[in-house]
Amino acid sequence: MSLTKQELLDMQEEVAEAKNTVAELVGQDKALMKQLKDDWDCGSIEVAEKKLTTLEKANATLQKEKEAAIEEVEEKYPYE
């Protein structure tokens, strides 16, 4: 199978566009990983996921404590 000059040029343009897209995505990935490191001191996605799990558990605990404290206040100081 033989390709025409135009088909080869079109393919070359598609390859160039794909390379640009890959370069943009790599740049975005690097920027996001830097932000993850700077903001949360996480050097990888795995570390960030573990930290997220820990924070979610802590948040759930704090939510329960808050609800218990509100209930206690409402029992001591009923309002109507």
C-alpha atoms as a PDB file:
ATOM      1  CA  MET A   1       0.000   0.000   0.000  1.00  0.00           C
ATOM      2  CA  SER A   2       1.356   3.331  -1.006  1.00  0.00           C
ATOM      3  CA  LEU A   3       0.409   6.594   0.689  1.00  0.00           C
ATOM      4  CA  THR A   4       0.051   9.875  -1.101  1.00  0.00           C
ATOM      5  CA  LYS A   5       2.143  12.875  -0.230  1.00  0.00           C
ATOM      6  CA  GLN A   6      -0.917  14.547   1.347  1.00  0.00           C
ATOM      7  CA  GLU A   7      -1.678  11.492   3.468  1.00  0.00           C
ATOM      8  CA  LEU A   8       1.900  11.460   4.716  1.00  0.00           C
ATOM      9  CA  LEU A   9       1.720  15.180   5.511  1.00  0.00           C
ATOM     10  CA  ASP A  10      -1.571  14.652   7.362  1.00  0.00           C
ATOM     11  CA  MET A  11      -0.051  11.815   9.354  1.00  0.00           C
ATOM     12  CA  GLN A  12       2.991  13.950  10.144  1.00  0.00           C
ATOM     13  CA  GLU A  13       0.705  16.719  11.416  1.00  0.00           C
ATOM     14  CA  GLU A  14      -1.233  14.256  13.588  1.00  0.00           C
ATOM     15  CA  VAL A  15       2.013  12.966  15.079  1.00  0.00           C
ATOM     16  CA  ALA A  16       3.172  16.526  15.802  1.00  0.00           C
ATOM     17  CA  GLU A  17      -0.159  17.326  17.494  1.00  0.00           C
ATOM     18  CA  ALA A  18       0.047  14.154  19.560  1.00  0.00           C
ATOM     19  CA  LYS A  19       3.588  15.053  20.671  1.00  0.00           C
ATOM     20  CA  ASN A  20       2.385  18.502  21.733  1.00  0.00           C
ATOM     21  CA  THR A  21      -0.497  17.002  23.670  1.00  0.00           C
ATOM     22  CA  VAL A  22       1.827  14.576  25.435  1.00  0.00           C
ATOM     23  CA  ALA A  23       4.243  17.389  26.298  1.00  0.00           C
ATOM     24  CA  GLU A  24       1.377  19.467  27.744  1.00  0.00           C
ATOM     25  CA  LEU A  25       0.121  16.540  29.817  1.00  0.00           C
ATOM     26  CA  VAL A  26       3.605  15.789  31.127  1.00  0.00           C
ATOM     27  CA  GLY A  27       3.970  19.445  32.111  1.00  0.00           C
ATOM     28  CA  GLN A  28       0.611  19.419  33.881  1.00  0.00           C
ATOM     29  CA  ASP A  29       1.533  16.219  35.688  1.00  0.00           C
ATOM     30  CA  LYS A  30       4.805  17.722  36.905  1.00  0.00           C
ATOM     31  CA  ALA A  31       3.027  20.875  38.079  1.00  0.00           C
ATOM     32  CA  LEU A  32       0.378  18.884  39.951  1.00  0.00           C
ATOM     33  CA  MET A  33       2.967  16.627  41.571  1.00  0.00           C
ATOM     34  CA  LYS A  34       4.935  19.706  42.678  1.00  0.00           C
ATOM     35  CA  GLN A  35       1.778  21.204  44.157  1.00  0.00           C
ATOM     36  CA  LEU A  36       1.023  17.915  45.918  1.00  0.00           C
ATOM     37  CA  LYS A  37       4.520  17.937  47.408  1.00  0.00           C
ATOM     38  CA  ASP A  38       4.487  21.631  48.321  1.00  0.00           C
ATOM     39  CA  ASP A  39       0.964  21.767  49.771  1.00  0.00           C
ATOM     40  CA  TRP A  40       0.665  18.335  51.371  1.00  0.00           C
ATOM     41  CA  ASP A  41       4.234  17.006  51.590  1.00  0.00           C
ATOM     42  CA  CYS A  42       3.302  13.980  49.468  1.00  0.00           C
ATOM     43  CA  GLY A  43       5.853  12.696  47.007  1.00  0.00           C
ATOM     44  CA  SER A  44       3.524  10.271  45.243  1.00  0.00           C
ATOM     45  CA  ILE A  45      -0.119   9.522  44.592  1.00  0.00           C
ATOM     46  CA  GLU A  46       0.088   6.512  46.905  1.00  0.00           C
ATOM     47  CA  VAL A  47       1.302   8.670  49.810  1.00  0.00           C
ATOM     48  CA  ALA A  48      -1.436  11.224  49.070  1.00  0.00           C
ATOM     49  CA  GLU A  49      -4.102   8.500  49.086  1.00  0.00           C
ATOM     50  CA  LYS A  50      -2.894   7.223  52.460  1.00  0.00           C
ATOM     51  CA  LYS A  51      -2.866  10.747  53.846  1.00  0.00           C
ATOM     52  CA  LEU A  52      -6.375  11.316  52.492  1.00  0.00           C
ATOM     53  CA  THR A  53      -7.610   8.148  54.198  1.00  0.00           C
ATOM     54  CA  THR A  54      -6.078   9.278  57.483  1.00  0.00           C
ATOM     55  CA  LEU A  55      -7.614  12.747  57.155  1.00  0.00           C
ATOM     56  CA  GLU A  56     -11.035  11.294  56.323  1.00  0.00           C
ATOM     57  CA  LYS A  57     -10.926   9.110  59.436  1.00  0.00           C
ATOM     58  CA  ALA A  58      -9.873  12.067  61.580  1.00  0.00           C
ATOM     59  CA  ASN A  59     -12.658  14.153  60.070  1.00  0.00           C
ATOM     60  CA  ALA A  60     -15.237  11.451  60.847  1.00  0.00           C
ATOM     61  CA  THR A  61     -14.024  11.290  64.440  1.00  0.00           C
ATOM     62  CA  LEU A  62     -14.204  15.068  64.809  1.00  0.00           C
ATOM     63  CA  GLN A  63     -17.700  15.097  63.300  1.00  0.00           C
ATOM     64  CA  LYS A  64     -18.883  12.536  65.860  1.00  0.00           C
ATOM     65  CA  GLU A  65     -17.287  14.525  68.698  1.00  0.00           C
ATOM     66  CA  LYS A  66     -18.923  17.717  67.449  1.00  0.00           C
ATOM     67  CA  GLU A  67     -22.331  16.063  67.254  1.00  0.00           C
ATOM     68  CA  ALA A  68     -21.934  14.646  70.769  1.00  0.00           C
ATOM     69  CA  ALA A  69     -20.924  18.068  72.098  1.00  0.00           C
ATOM     70  CA  ILE A  70     -23.912  19.740  70.445  1.00  0.00           C
ATOM     71  CA  GLU A  71     -26.227  17.107  71.861  1.00  0.00           C
ATOM     72  CA  GLU A  72     -24.765  17.619  75.327  1.00  0.00           C
ATOM     73  CA  VAL A  73     -25.228  21.390  75.119  1.00  0.00           C
ATOM     74  CA  GLU A  74     -28.799  20.971  73.876  1.00  0.00           C
ATOM     75  CA  GLU A  75     -29.575  18.647  76.812  1.00  0.00           C
ATOM     76  CA  LYS A  76     -28.083  21.065  79.353  1.00  0.00           C
ATOM     77  CA  TYR A  77     -29.617  24.151  77.799  1.00  0.00           C
ATOM     78  CA  PRO A  78     -32.869  23.293  76.086  1.00  0.00           C
ATOM     79  CA  TYR A  79     -34.329  25.985  73.906  1.00  0.00           C
ATOM     80  CA  GLU A  80     -37.707  26.585  72.411  1.00  0.00           C
END
